[in-house]
Amino acid sequence: MKRTVLTVDDSRAMRDMLRLCLSGAGYAVAEAVDGEDGLLALRRLRPDVIISDINMPRLDGFGFIEKVRAEKDYLGIPILVLSTECDAAKKARARAAGATGWIVKPFEPAKLVSALARVLA
């Protein structure tokens, strides 16, 4: 059975790129356009791992991560942040919210797939 990745990003181009990369690596991919949509998808799908942007409308990545971690049923789901941001304070804030790791955009597909394999091991 394929593992499911939920991608949460307001950029259609980024969601498309992630879908191509991850589906090519054998993952089932679900998409959400922002944190609010991500919460709905999370409850509907219960993915194996989440990849989330930080800068999004309605509910940003920090708020999304905090809301996911506030629900005990989802504590074990790894959350990777995928962002153009590389500020140490933002990375620390994401980790404090419950992020498992941080990947900077633009990403190398092989490194993203490798990061997923590590957090799912």
PDB file of N, CA and C in Angstrom:
ATOM      1  N   MET A   1       0.831  -1.178   0.000  1.00  0.00           N
ATOM      2  CA  MET A   1       0.000   0.000   0.000  1.00  0.00           C
ATOM      3  C   MET A   1       0.882   1.250   0.000  1.00  0.00           C
ATOM      4  N   LYS A   2       0.538   2.211  -0.857  1.00  0.00           N
ATOM      5  CA  LYS A   2       1.310   3.440  -0.955  1.00  0.00           C
ATOM      6  C   LYS A   2       1.131   4.289   0.294  1.00  0.00           C
ATOM      7  N   ARG A   3       2.200   4.940   0.685  1.00  0.00           N
ATOM      8  CA  ARG A   3       2.113   5.916   1.764  1.00  0.00           C
ATOM      9  C   ARG A   3       1.574   7.222   1.196  1.00  0.00           C
ATOM     10  N   THR A   4       0.792   7.931   2.001  1.00  0.00           N
ATOM     11  CA  THR A   4       0.161   9.162   1.551  1.00  0.00           C
ATOM     12  C   THR A   4       0.872  10.384   2.117  1.00  0.00           C
ATOM     13  N   VAL A   5       1.156  11.340   1.228  1.00  0.00           N
ATOM     14  CA  VAL A   5       1.758  12.611   1.605  1.00  0.00           C
ATOM     15  C   VAL A   5       0.708  13.695   1.373  1.00  0.00           C
ATOM     16  N   LEU A   6       0.472  14.509   2.382  1.00  0.00           N
ATOM     17  CA  LEU A   6      -0.393  15.679   2.240  1.00  0.00           C
ATOM     18  C   LEU A   6       0.506  16.885   2.033  1.00  0.00           C
ATOM     19  N   THR A   7       0.367  17.565   0.876  1.00  0.00           N
ATOM     20  CA  THR A   7       1.118  18.781   0.619  1.00  0.00           C
ATOM     21  C   THR A   7       0.203  19.973   0.858  1.00  0.00           C
ATOM     22  N   VAL A   8       0.693  20.938   1.610  1.00  0.00           N
ATOM     23  CA  VAL A   8      -0.089  22.127   1.960  1.00  0.00           C
ATOM     24  C   VAL A   8       0.708  23.345   1.483  1.00  0.00           C
ATOM     25  N   ASP A   9       0.245  23.945   0.392  1.00  0.00           N
ATOM     26  CA  ASP A   9       0.960  25.075  -0.197  1.00  0.00           C
ATOM     27  C   ASP A   9      -0.017  25.881  -1.041  1.00  0.00           C
ATOM     28  N   ASP A  10       0.039  27.209  -0.932  1.00  0.00           N
ATOM     29  CA  ASP A  10      -0.887  28.048  -1.693  1.00  0.00           C
ATOM     30  C   ASP A  10      -0.476  28.217  -3.151  1.00  0.00           C
ATOM     31  N   SER A  11       0.702  27.776  -3.527  1.00  0.00           N
ATOM     32  CA  SER A  11       1.165  27.878  -4.904  1.00  0.00           C
ATOM     33  C   SER A  11       0.788  26.626  -5.693  1.00  0.00           C
ATOM     34  N   ARG A  12      -0.041  26.815  -6.714  1.00  0.00           N
ATOM     35  CA  ARG A  12      -0.429  25.681  -7.562  1.00  0.00           C
ATOM     36  C   ARG A  12       0.798  25.065  -8.222  1.00  0.00           C
ATOM     37  N   ALA A  13       1.722  25.913  -8.692  1.00  0.00           N
ATOM     38  CA  ALA A  13       2.928  25.398  -9.345  1.00  0.00           C
ATOM     39  C   ALA A  13       3.731  24.516  -8.391  1.00  0.00           C
ATOM     40  N   MET A  14       3.840  24.925  -7.128  1.00  0.00           N
ATOM     41  CA  MET A  14       4.585  24.123  -6.154  1.00  0.00           C
ATOM     42  C   MET A  14       3.849  22.815  -5.868  1.00  0.00           C
ATOM     43  N   ARG A  15       2.532  22.880  -5.717  1.00  0.00           N
ATOM     44  CA  ARG A  15       1.771  21.635  -5.488  1.00  0.00           C
ATOM     45  C   ARG A  15       1.934  20.682  -6.668  1.00  0.00           C
ATOM     46  N   ASP A  16       1.902  21.225  -7.889  1.00  0.00           N
ATOM     47  CA  ASP A  16       2.087  20.390  -9.079  1.00  0.00           C
ATOM     48  C   ASP A  16       3.475  19.751  -9.084  1.00  0.00           C
ATOM     49  N   MET A  17       4.496  20.542  -8.752  1.00  0.00           N
ATOM     50  CA  MET A  17       5.859  20.031  -8.721  1.00  0.00           C
ATOM     51  C   MET A  17       6.006  18.932  -7.661  1.00  0.00           C
ATOM     52  N   LEU A  18       5.433  19.171  -6.496  1.00  0.00           N
ATOM     53  CA  LEU A  18       5.490  18.162  -5.435  1.00  0.00           C
ATOM     54  C   LEU A  18       4.761  16.891  -5.844  1.00  0.00           C
ATOM     55  N   ARG A  19       3.590  17.037  -6.454  1.00  0.00           N
ATOM     56  CA  ARG A  19       2.828  15.864  -6.887  1.00  0.00           C
ATOM     57  C   ARG A  19       3.633  15.030  -7.887  1.00  0.00           C
ATOM     58  N   LEU A  20       4.253  15.685  -8.862  1.00  0.00           N
ATOM     59  CA  LEU A  20       5.052  14.963  -9.858  1.00  0.00           C
ATOM     60  C   LEU A  20       6.236  14.253  -9.221  1.00  0.00           C
ATOM     61  N   CYS A  21       6.938  14.958  -8.355  1.00  0.00           N
ATOM     62  CA  CYS A  21       8.110  14.399  -7.679  1.00  0.00           C
ATOM     63  C   CYS A  21       7.734  13.214  -6.795  1.00  0.00           C
ATOM     64  N   LEU A  22       6.709  13.399  -5.978  1.00  0.00           N
ATOM     65  CA  LEU A  22       6.355  12.377  -4.987  1.00  0.00           C
ATOM     66  C   LEU A  22       5.611  11.199  -5.590  1.00  0.00           C
ATOM     67  N   SER A  23       4.740  11.459  -6.535  1.00  0.00           N
ATOM     68  CA  SER A  23       4.045  10.333  -7.169  1.00  0.00           C
ATOM     69  C   SER A  23       5.039   9.501  -7.969  1.00  0.00           C
ATOM     70  N   GLY A  24       6.041  10.151  -8.567  1.00  0.00           N
ATOM     71  CA  GLY A  24       7.086   9.425  -9.274  1.00  0.00           C
ATOM     72  C   GLY A  24       7.926   8.565  -8.351  1.00  0.00           C
ATOM     73  N   ALA A  25       7.970   8.924  -7.080  1.00  0.00           N
ATOM     74  CA  ALA A  25       8.722   8.154  -6.076  1.00  0.00           C
ATOM     75  C   ALA A  25       7.842   7.100  -5.402  1.00  0.00           C
ATOM     76  N   GLY A  26       6.587   6.974  -5.851  1.00  0.00           N
ATOM     77  CA  GLY A  26       5.721   5.922  -5.333  1.00  0.00           C
ATOM     78  C   GLY A  26       4.769   6.326  -4.225  1.00  0.00           C
ATOM     79  N   TYR A  27       4.659   7.615  -3.940  1.00  0.00           N
ATOM     80  CA  TYR A  27       3.746   8.080  -2.902  1.00  0.00           C
ATOM     81  C   TYR A  27       2.390   8.455  -3.498  1.00  0.00           C
ATOM     82  N   ALA A  28       1.353   8.277  -2.714  1.00  0.00           N
ATOM     83  CA  ALA A  28       0.046   8.848  -3.044  1.00  0.00           C
ATOM     84  C   ALA A  28       0.090  10.279  -2.516  1.00  0.00           C
ATOM     85  N   VAL A  29      -0.393  11.236  -3.308  1.00  0.00           N
ATOM     86  CA  VAL A  29      -0.274  12.640  -2.933  1.00  0.00           C
ATOM     87  C   VAL A  29      -1.651  13.288  -2.854  1.00  0.00           C
ATOM     88  N   ALA A  30      -1.911  13.939  -1.725  1.00  0.00           N
ATOM     89  CA  ALA A  30      -3.121  14.737  -1.535  1.00  0.00           C
ATOM     90  C   ALA A  30      -2.662  16.183  -1.399  1.00  0.00           C
ATOM     91  N   GLU A  31      -3.512  17.117  -1.822  1.00  0.00           N
ATOM     92  CA  GLU A  31      -3.119  18.522  -1.831  1.00  0.00           C
ATOM     93  C   GLU A  31      -4.108  19.393  -1.076  1.00  0.00           C
ATOM     94  N   ALA A  32      -3.557  20.441  -0.461  1.00  0.00           N
ATOM     95  CA  ALA A  32      -4.371  21.458   0.213  1.00  0.00           C
ATOM     96  C   ALA A  32      -3.777  22.822  -0.130  1.00  0.00           C
ATOM     97  N   VAL A  33      -4.655  23.835  -0.236  1.00  0.00           N
ATOM     98  CA  VAL A  33      -4.220  25.154  -0.696  1.00  0.00           C
ATOM     99  C   VAL A  33      -3.792  26.103   0.427  1.00  0.00           C
ATOM    100  N   ASP A  34      -4.081  25.759   1.668  1.00  0.00           N
ATOM    101  CA  ASP A  34      -3.670  26.567   2.823  1.00  0.00           C
ATOM    102  C   ASP A  34      -3.889  25.745   4.083  1.00  0.00           C
ATOM    103  N   GLY A  35      -3.574  26.328   5.228  1.00  0.00           N
ATOM    104  CA  GLY A  35      -3.683  25.588   6.480  1.00  0.00           C
ATOM    105  C   GLY A  35      -5.093  25.134   6.809  1.00  0.00           C
ATOM    106  N   GLU A  36      -6.085  25.967   6.550  1.00  0.00           N
ATOM    107  CA  GLU A  36      -7.484  25.574   6.813  1.00  0.00           C
ATOM    108  C   GLU A  36      -7.872  24.369   5.965  1.00  0.00           C
ATOM    109  N   ASP A  37      -7.549  24.430   4.678  1.00  0.00           N
ATOM    110  CA  ASP A  37      -7.827  23.320   3.773  1.00  0.00           C
ATOM    111  C   ASP A  37      -7.018  22.085   4.190  1.00  0.00           C
ATOM    112  N   GLY A  38      -5.807  22.326   4.681  1.00  0.00           N
ATOM    113  CA  GLY A  38      -4.961  21.235   5.151  1.00  0.00           C
ATOM    114  C   GLY A  38      -5.563  20.496   6.333  1.00  0.00           C
ATOM    115  N   LEU A  39      -6.178  21.234   7.255  1.00  0.00           N
ATOM    116  CA  LEU A  39      -6.831  20.591   8.401  1.00  0.00           C
ATOM    117  C   LEU A  39      -7.990  19.713   7.959  1.00  0.00           C
ATOM    118  N   LEU A  40      -8.770  20.188   6.995  1.00  0.00           N
ATOM    119  CA  LEU A  40      -9.884  19.382   6.470  1.00  0.00           C
ATOM    120  C   LEU A  40      -9.354  18.111   5.810  1.00  0.00           C
ATOM    121  N   ALA A  41      -8.303  18.257   5.009  1.00  0.00           N
ATOM    122  CA  ALA A  41      -7.716  17.102   4.329  1.00  0.00           C
ATOM    123  C   ALA A  41      -7.110  16.127   5.328  1.00  0.00           C
ATOM    124  N   LEU A  42      -6.470  16.647   6.364  1.00  0.00           N
ATOM    125  CA  LEU A  42      -5.872  15.812   7.400  1.00  0.00           C
ATOM    126  C   LEU A  42      -6.922  14.917   8.044  1.00  0.00           C
ATOM    127  N   ARG A  43      -8.027  15.505   8.407  1.00  0.00           N
ATOM    128  CA  ARG A  43      -9.091  14.745   9.079  1.00  0.00           C
ATOM    129  C   ARG A  43      -9.741  13.726   8.148  1.00  0.00           C
ATOM    130  N   ARG A  44      -9.817  14.074   6.880  1.00  0.00           N
ATOM    131  CA  ARG A  44     -10.445  13.185   5.894  1.00  0.00           C
ATOM    132  C   ARG A  44      -9.527  12.029   5.499  1.00  0.00           C
ATOM    133  N   LEU A  45      -8.227  12.307   5.391  1.00  0.00           N
ATOM    134  CA  LEU A  45      -7.296  11.328   4.812  1.00  0.00           C
ATOM    135  C   LEU A  45      -6.373  10.635   5.794  1.00  0.00           C
ATOM    136  N   ARG A  46      -6.049  11.310   6.888  1.00  0.00           N
ATOM    137  CA  ARG A  46      -5.027  10.830   7.823  1.00  0.00           C
ATOM    138  C   ARG A  46      -3.766  10.362   7.073  1.00  0.00           C
ATOM    139  N   PRO A  47      -3.005  11.334   6.520  1.00  0.00           N
ATOM    140  CA  PRO A  47      -1.812  10.991   5.742  1.00  0.00           C
ATOM    141  C   PRO A  47      -0.696  10.425   6.617  1.00  0.00           C
ATOM    142  N   ASP A  48       0.288   9.835   5.963  1.00  0.00           N
ATOM    143  CA  ASP A  48       1.451   9.300   6.669  1.00  0.00           C
ATOM    144  C   ASP A  48       2.459  10.384   7.002  1.00  0.00           C
ATOM    145  N   VAL A  49       2.481  11.444   6.199  1.00  0.00           N
ATOM    146  CA  VAL A  49       3.412  12.553   6.384  1.00  0.00           C
ATOM    147  C   VAL A  49       2.802  13.811   5.756  1.00  0.00           C
ATOM    148  N   ILE A  50       3.202  14.972   6.285  1.00  0.00           N
ATOM    149  CA  ILE A  50       2.715  16.258   5.780  1.00  0.00           C
ATOM    150  C   ILE A  50       3.915  17.096   5.359  1.00  0.00           C
ATOM    151  N   ILE A  51       3.775  17.763   4.204  1.00  0.00           N
ATOM    152  CA  ILE A  51       4.747  18.758   3.770  1.00  0.00           C
ATOM    153  C   ILE A  51       3.987  20.075   3.686  1.00  0.00           C
ATOM    154  N   SER A  52       4.437  21.073   4.449  1.00  0.00           N
ATOM    155  CA  SER A  52       3.705  22.333   4.512  1.00  0.00           C
ATOM    156  C   SER A  52       4.590  23.543   4.275  1.00  0.00           C
ATOM    157  N   ASP A  53       4.050  24.487   3.522  1.00  0.00           N
ATOM    158  CA  ASP A  53       4.658  25.808   3.369  1.00  0.00           C
ATOM    159  C   ASP A  53       4.400  26.580   4.661  1.00  0.00           C
ATOM    160  N   ILE A  54       5.061  27.712   4.819  1.00  0.00           N
ATOM    161  CA  ILE A  54       4.845  28.571   5.979  1.00  0.00           C
ATOM    162  C   ILE A  54       3.953  29.759   5.625  1.00  0.00           C
ATOM    163  N   ASN A  55       4.277  30.438   4.542  1.00  0.00           N
ATOM    164  CA  ASN A  55       3.578  31.663   4.156  1.00  0.00           C
ATOM    165  C   ASN A  55       2.364  31.336   3.289  1.00  0.00           C
ATOM    166  N   MET A  56       1.188  31.308   3.931  1.00  0.00           N
ATOM    167  CA  MET A  56      -0.063  30.992   3.231  1.00  0.00           C
ATOM    168  C   MET A  56      -1.181  31.862   3.783  1.00  0.00           C
ATOM    169  N   PRO A  57      -2.210  32.104   2.970  1.00  0.00           N
ATOM    170  CA  PRO A  57      -3.361  32.873   3.466  1.00  0.00           C
ATOM    171  C   PRO A  57      -4.222  32.040   4.425  1.00  0.00           C
ATOM    172  N   ARG A  58      -5.166  32.685   5.048  1.00  0.00           N
ATOM    173  CA  ARG A  58      -6.133  32.112   5.993  1.00  0.00           C
ATOM    174  C   ARG A  58      -5.471  31.526   7.229  1.00  0.00           C
ATOM    175  N   LEU A  59      -4.710  30.456   7.084  1.00  0.00           N
ATOM    176  CA  LEU A  59      -3.991  29.854   8.218  1.00  0.00           C
ATOM    177  C   LEU A  59      -2.589  29.528   7.734  1.00  0.00           C
ATOM    178  N   ASP A  60      -1.584  30.228   8.283  1.00  0.00           N
ATOM    179  CA  ASP A  60      -0.213  30.003   7.833  1.00  0.00           C
ATOM    180  C   ASP A  60       0.326  28.670   8.352  1.00  0.00           C
ATOM    181  N   GLY A  61       1.527  28.339   7.921  1.00  0.00           N
ATOM    182  CA  GLY A  61       2.117  27.063   8.291  1.00  0.00           C
ATOM    183  C   GLY A  61       2.345  26.888   9.776  1.00  0.00           C
ATOM    184  N   PHE A  62       2.739  27.961  10.467  1.00  0.00           N
ATOM    185  CA  PHE A  62       2.941  27.856  11.916  1.00  0.00           C
ATOM    186  C   PHE A  62       1.630  27.498  12.610  1.00  0.00           C
ATOM    187  N   GLY A  63       0.569  28.214  12.267  1.00  0.00           N
ATOM    188  CA  GLY A  63      -0.742  27.935  12.852  1.00  0.00           C
ATOM    189  C   GLY A  63      -1.239  26.548  12.506  1.00  0.00           C
ATOM    190  N   PHE A  64      -0.998  26.139  11.253  1.00  0.00           N
ATOM    191  CA  PHE A  64      -1.400  24.803  10.814  1.00  0.00           C
ATOM    192  C   PHE A  64      -0.694  23.731  11.647  1.00  0.00           C
ATOM    193  N   ILE A  65       0.617  23.867  11.793  1.00  0.00           N
ATOM    194  CA  ILE A  65       1.382  22.878  12.563  1.00  0.00           C
ATOM    195  C   ILE A  65       0.888  22.832  14.009  1.00  0.00           C
ATOM    196  N   GLU A  66       0.672  23.993  14.603  1.00  0.00           N
ATOM    197  CA  GLU A  66       0.184  24.037  15.983  1.00  0.00           C
ATOM    198  C   GLU A  66      -1.168  23.342  16.121  1.00  0.00           C
ATOM    199  N   LYS A  67      -2.058  23.561  15.167  1.00  0.00           N
ATOM    200  CA  LYS A  67      -3.386  22.932  15.231  1.00  0.00           C
ATOM    201  C   LYS A  67      -3.297  21.416  15.035  1.00  0.00           C
ATOM    202  N   VAL A  68      -2.419  20.980  14.144  1.00  0.00           N
ATOM    203  CA  VAL A  68      -2.225  19.536  13.952  1.00  0.00           C
ATOM    204  C   VAL A  68      -1.708  18.918  15.246  1.00  0.00           C
ATOM    205  N   ARG A  69      -0.711  19.537  15.846  1.00  0.00           N
ATOM    206  CA  ARG A  69      -0.107  18.988  17.061  1.00  0.00           C
ATOM    207  C   ARG A  69      -1.023  19.086  18.273  1.00  0.00           C
ATOM    208  N   ALA A  70      -2.028  19.941  18.219  1.00  0.00           N
ATOM    209  CA  ALA A  70      -2.978  20.066  19.329  1.00  0.00           C
ATOM    210  C   ALA A  70      -3.963  18.904  19.363  1.00  0.00           C
ATOM    211  N   GLU A  71      -4.026  18.125  18.290  1.00  0.00           N
ATOM    212  CA  GLU A  71      -4.942  16.979  18.223  1.00  0.00           C
ATOM    213  C   GLU A  71      -4.140  15.701  18.432  1.00  0.00           C
ATOM    214  N   LYS A  72      -4.392  15.017  19.528  1.00  0.00           N
ATOM    215  CA  LYS A  72      -3.577  13.858  19.905  1.00  0.00           C
ATOM    216  C   LYS A  72      -3.562  12.754  18.865  1.00  0.00           C
ATOM    217  N   ASP A  73      -4.607  12.638  18.050  1.00  0.00           N
ATOM    218  CA  ASP A  73      -4.650  11.599  17.023  1.00  0.00           C
ATOM    219  C   ASP A  73      -3.596  11.786  15.943  1.00  0.00           C
ATOM    220  N   TYR A  74      -3.044  13.000  15.835  1.00  0.00           N
ATOM    221  CA  TYR A  74      -2.110  13.295  14.748  1.00  0.00           C
ATOM    222  C   TYR A  74      -0.687  13.568  15.233  1.00  0.00           C
ATOM    223  N   LEU A  75      -0.420  13.313  16.507  1.00  0.00           N
ATOM    224  CA  LEU A  75       0.898  13.601  17.065  1.00  0.00           C
ATOM    225  C   LEU A  75       2.028  12.845  16.370  1.00  0.00           C
ATOM    226  N   GLY A  76       1.756  11.650  15.893  1.00  0.00           N
ATOM    227  CA  GLY A  76       2.801  10.829  15.287  1.00  0.00           C
ATOM    228  C   GLY A  76       3.056  11.096  13.820  1.00  0.00           C
ATOM    229  N   ILE A  77       2.302  11.991  13.204  1.00  0.00           N
ATOM    230  CA  ILE A  77       2.490  12.262  11.779  1.00  0.00           C
ATOM    231  C   ILE A  77       3.642  13.263  11.613  1.00  0.00           C
ATOM    232  N   PRO A  78       4.696  12.880  10.897  1.00  0.00           N
ATOM    233  CA  PRO A  78       5.797  13.816  10.666  1.00  0.00           C
ATOM    234  C   PRO A  78       5.339  14.997   9.809  1.00  0.00           C
ATOM    235  N   ILE A  79       5.855  16.181  10.115  1.00  0.00           N
ATOM    236  CA  ILE A  79       5.545  17.386   9.348  1.00  0.00           C
ATOM    237  C   ILE A  79       6.854  18.013   8.903  1.00  0.00           C
ATOM    238  N   LEU A  80       7.053  18.063   7.589  1.00  0.00           N
ATOM    239  CA  LEU A  80       8.211  18.742   7.029  1.00  0.00           C
ATOM    240  C   LEU A  80       7.776  20.102   6.511  1.00  0.00           C
ATOM    241  N   VAL A  81       8.511  21.136   6.870  1.00  0.00           N
ATOM    242  CA  VAL A  81       8.259  22.472   6.338  1.00  0.00           C
ATOM    243  C   VAL A  81       9.055  22.602   5.042  1.00  0.00           C
ATOM    244  N   LEU A  82       8.404  23.106   4.007  1.00  0.00           N
ATOM    245  CA  LEU A  82       9.054  23.369   2.724  1.00  0.00           C
ATOM    246  C   LEU A  82       8.804  24.835   2.417  1.00  0.00           C
ATOM    247  N   SER A  83       9.850  25.653   2.537  1.00  0.00           N
ATOM    248  CA  SER A  83       9.671  27.104   2.462  1.00  0.00           C
ATOM    249  C   SER A  83      10.876  27.783   1.824  1.00  0.00           C
ATOM    250  N   THR A  84      10.642  28.968   1.263  1.00  0.00           N
ATOM    251  CA  THR A  84      11.751  29.785   0.772  1.00  0.00           C
ATOM    252  C   THR A  84      12.481  30.442   1.932  1.00  0.00           C
ATOM    253  N   GLU A  85      11.854  30.479   3.081  1.00  0.00           N
ATOM    254  CA  GLU A  85      12.440  31.078   4.285  1.00  0.00           C
ATOM    255  C   GLU A  85      13.608  30.220   4.771  1.00  0.00           C
ATOM    256  N   CYS A  86      14.639  30.888   5.263  1.00  0.00           N
ATOM    257  CA  CYS A  86      15.756  30.133   5.855  1.00  0.00           C
ATOM    258  C   CYS A  86      16.245  30.784   7.143  1.00  0.00           C
ATOM    259  N   ASP A  87      15.410  31.649   7.701  1.00  0.00           N
ATOM    260  CA  ASP A  87      15.719  32.359   8.930  1.00  0.00           C
ATOM    261  C   ASP A  87      15.731  31.392  10.128  1.00  0.00           C
ATOM    262  N   ALA A  88      16.788  31.450  10.916  1.00  0.00           N
ATOM    263  CA  ALA A  88      16.934  30.544  12.062  1.00  0.00           C
ATOM    264  C   ALA A  88      15.798  30.703  13.065  1.00  0.00           C
ATOM    265  N   ALA A  89      15.318  31.917  13.261  1.00  0.00           N
ATOM    266  CA  ALA A  89      14.226  32.141  14.213  1.00  0.00           C
ATOM    267  C   ALA A  89      12.938  31.474  13.731  1.00  0.00           C
ATOM    268  N   LYS A  90      12.684  31.525  12.431  1.00  0.00           N
ATOM    269  CA  LYS A  90      11.486  30.878  11.894  1.00  0.00           C
ATOM    270  C   LYS A  90      11.605  29.359  11.969  1.00  0.00           C
ATOM    271  N   LYS A  91      12.802  28.850  11.725  1.00  0.00           N
ATOM    272  CA  LYS A  91      13.022  27.407  11.861  1.00  0.00           C
ATOM    273  C   LYS A  91      12.778  26.970  13.303  1.00  0.00           C
ATOM    274  N   ALA A  92      13.281  27.763  14.251  1.00  0.00           N
ATOM    275  CA  ALA A  92      13.092  27.446  15.670  1.00  0.00           C
ATOM    276  C   ALA A  92      11.608  27.514  16.035  1.00  0.00           C
ATOM    277  N   ARG A  93      10.908  28.500  15.497  1.00  0.00           N
ATOM    278  CA  ARG A  93       9.471  28.628  15.759  1.00  0.00           C
ATOM    279  C   ARG A  93       8.707  27.420  15.206  1.00  0.00           C
ATOM    280  N   ALA A  94       9.083  26.976  14.016  1.00  0.00           N
ATOM    281  CA  ALA A  94       8.417  25.813  13.421  1.00  0.00           C
ATOM    282  C   ALA A  94       8.691  24.557  14.246  1.00  0.00           C
ATOM    283  N   ARG A  95       9.914  24.404  14.687  1.00  0.00           N
ATOM    284  CA  ARG A  95      10.260  23.227  15.499  1.00  0.00           C
ATOM    285  C   ARG A  95       9.508  23.262  16.824  1.00  0.00           C
ATOM    286  N   ALA A  96       9.410  24.447  17.426  1.00  0.00           N
ATOM    287  CA  ALA A  96       8.671  24.591  18.686  1.00  0.00           C
ATOM    288  C   ALA A  96       7.186  24.286  18.492  1.00  0.00           C
ATOM    289  N   ALA A  97       6.661  24.590  17.305  1.00  0.00           N
ATOM    290  CA  ALA A  97       5.254  24.301  17.003  1.00  0.00           C
ATOM    291  C   ALA A  97       5.029  22.810  16.783  1.00  0.00           C
ATOM    292  N   GLY A  98       6.102  22.086  16.432  1.00  0.00           N
ATOM    293  CA  GLY A  98       5.972  20.651  16.235  1.00  0.00           C
ATOM    294  C   GLY A  98       6.448  20.135  14.895  1.00  0.00           C
ATOM    295  N   ALA A  99       7.121  20.971  14.105  1.00  0.00           N
ATOM    296  CA  ALA A  99       7.649  20.503  12.818  1.00  0.00           C
ATOM    297  C   ALA A  99       8.761  19.488  13.049  1.00  0.00           C
ATOM    298  N   THR A 100       8.825  18.516  12.171  1.00  0.00           N
ATOM    299  CA  THR A 100       9.823  17.464  12.252  1.00  0.00           C
ATOM    300  C   THR A 100      11.121  17.869  11.554  1.00  0.00           C
ATOM    301  N   GLY A 101      10.991  18.663  10.474  1.00  0.00           N
ATOM    302  CA  GLY A 101      12.164  19.070   9.707  1.00  0.00           C
ATOM    303  C   GLY A 101      11.842  20.259   8.821  1.00  0.00           C
ATOM    304  N   TRP A 102      12.868  20.782   8.146  1.00  0.00           N
ATOM    305  CA  TRP A 102      12.756  21.995   7.332  1.00  0.00           C
ATOM    306  C   TRP A 102      13.549  21.786   6.059  1.00  0.00           C
ATOM    307  N   ILE A 103      12.938  22.070   4.918  1.00  0.00           N
ATOM    308  CA  ILE A 103      13.598  21.985   3.619  1.00  0.00           C
ATOM    309  C   ILE A 103      13.394  23.326   2.927  1.00  0.00           C
ATOM    310  N   VAL A 104      14.462  23.859   2.349  1.00  0.00           N
ATOM    311  CA  VAL A 104      14.397  25.163   1.696  1.00  0.00           C
ATOM    312  C   VAL A 104      14.071  24.996   0.216  1.00  0.00           C
ATOM    313  N   LYS A 105      13.134  25.836  -0.261  1.00  0.00           N
ATOM    314  CA  LYS A 105      12.814  25.909  -1.692  1.00  0.00           C
ATOM    315  C   LYS A 105      13.856  26.811  -2.359  1.00  0.00           C
ATOM    316  N   PRO A 106      14.237  26.563  -3.576  1.00  0.00           N
ATOM    317  CA  PRO A 106      13.848  25.405  -4.376  1.00  0.00           C
ATOM    318  C   PRO A 106      14.530  24.153  -3.836  1.00  0.00           C
ATOM    319  N   PHE A 107      13.851  23.036  -3.969  1.00  0.00           N
ATOM    320  CA  PHE A 107      14.357  21.788  -3.418  1.00  0.00           C
ATOM    321  C   PHE A 107      14.853  20.874  -4.532  1.00  0.00           C
ATOM    322  N   GLU A 108      15.738  19.976  -4.150  1.00  0.00           N
ATOM    323  CA  GLU A 108      16.181  18.930  -5.070  1.00  0.00           C
ATOM    324  C   GLU A 108      15.271  17.728  -4.825  1.00  0.00           C
ATOM    325  N   PRO A 109      14.597  17.225  -5.858  1.00  0.00           N
ATOM    326  CA  PRO A 109      13.664  16.110  -5.669  1.00  0.00           C
ATOM    327  C   PRO A 109      14.261  14.927  -4.915  1.00  0.00           C
ATOM    328  N   ALA A 110      15.488  14.548  -5.231  1.00  0.00           N
ATOM    329  CA  ALA A 110      16.098  13.394  -4.555  1.00  0.00           C
ATOM    330  C   ALA A 110      16.264  13.652  -3.057  1.00  0.00           C
ATOM    331  N   LYS A 111      16.599  14.894  -2.687  1.00  0.00           N
ATOM    332  CA  LYS A 111      16.760  15.218  -1.262  1.00  0.00           C
ATOM    333  C   LYS A 111      15.414  15.224  -0.542  1.00  0.00           C
ATOM    334  N   LEU A 112      14.375  15.671  -1.219  1.00  0.00           N
ATOM    335  CA  LEU A 112      13.042  15.658  -0.616  1.00  0.00           C
ATOM    336  C   LEU A 112      12.583  14.217  -0.385  1.00  0.00           C
ATOM    337  N   VAL A 113      12.755  13.374  -1.382  1.00  0.00           N
ATOM    338  CA  VAL A 113      12.364  11.964  -1.252  1.00  0.00           C
ATOM    339  C   VAL A 113      13.176  11.290  -0.152  1.00  0.00           C
ATOM    340  N   SER A 114      14.454  11.626  -0.067  1.00  0.00           N
ATOM    341  CA  SER A 114      15.316  11.070   0.985  1.00  0.00           C
ATOM    342  C   SER A 114      14.847  11.531   2.378  1.00  0.00           C
ATOM    343  N   ALA A 115      14.476  12.803   2.480  1.00  0.00           N
ATOM    344  CA  ALA A 115      13.974  13.326   3.765  1.00  0.00           C
ATOM    345  C   ALA A 115      12.687  12.622   4.172  1.00  0.00           C
ATOM    346  N   LEU A 116      11.808  12.373   3.205  1.00  0.00           N
ATOM    347  CA  LEU A 116      10.570  11.643   3.504  1.00  0.00           C
ATOM    348  C   LEU A 116      10.874  10.243   3.995  1.00  0.00           C
ATOM    349  N   ALA A 117      11.784   9.573   3.334  1.00  0.00           N
ATOM    350  CA  ALA A 117      12.140   8.207   3.750  1.00  0.00           C
ATOM    351  C   ALA A 117      12.683   8.197   5.175  1.00  0.00           C
ATOM    352  N   ARG A 118      13.477   9.210   5.524  1.00  0.00           N
ATOM    353  CA  ARG A 118      14.042   9.285   6.895  1.00  0.00           C
ATOM    354  C   ARG A 118      12.949   9.462   7.936  1.00  0.00           C
ATOM    355  N   VAL A 119      12.023  10.390   7.697  1.00  0.00           N
ATOM    356  CA  VAL A 119      11.008  10.650   8.731  1.00  0.00           C
ATOM    357  C   VAL A 119       9.960   9.537   8.802  1.00  0.00           C
ATOM    358  N   LEU A 120       9.853   8.748   7.750  1.00  0.00           N
ATOM    359  CA  LEU A 120       8.886   7.651   7.756  1.00  0.00           C
ATOM    360  C   LEU A 120       9.487   6.326   8.216  1.00  0.00           C
ATOM    361  N   ALA A 121      10.810   6.304   8.421  1.00  0.00           N
ATOM    362  CA  ALA A 121      11.479   5.053   8.824  1.00  0.00           C
ATOM    363  C   ALA A 121      11.129   4.669  10.241  1.00  0.00           C
TER     364      ALA A 121
END
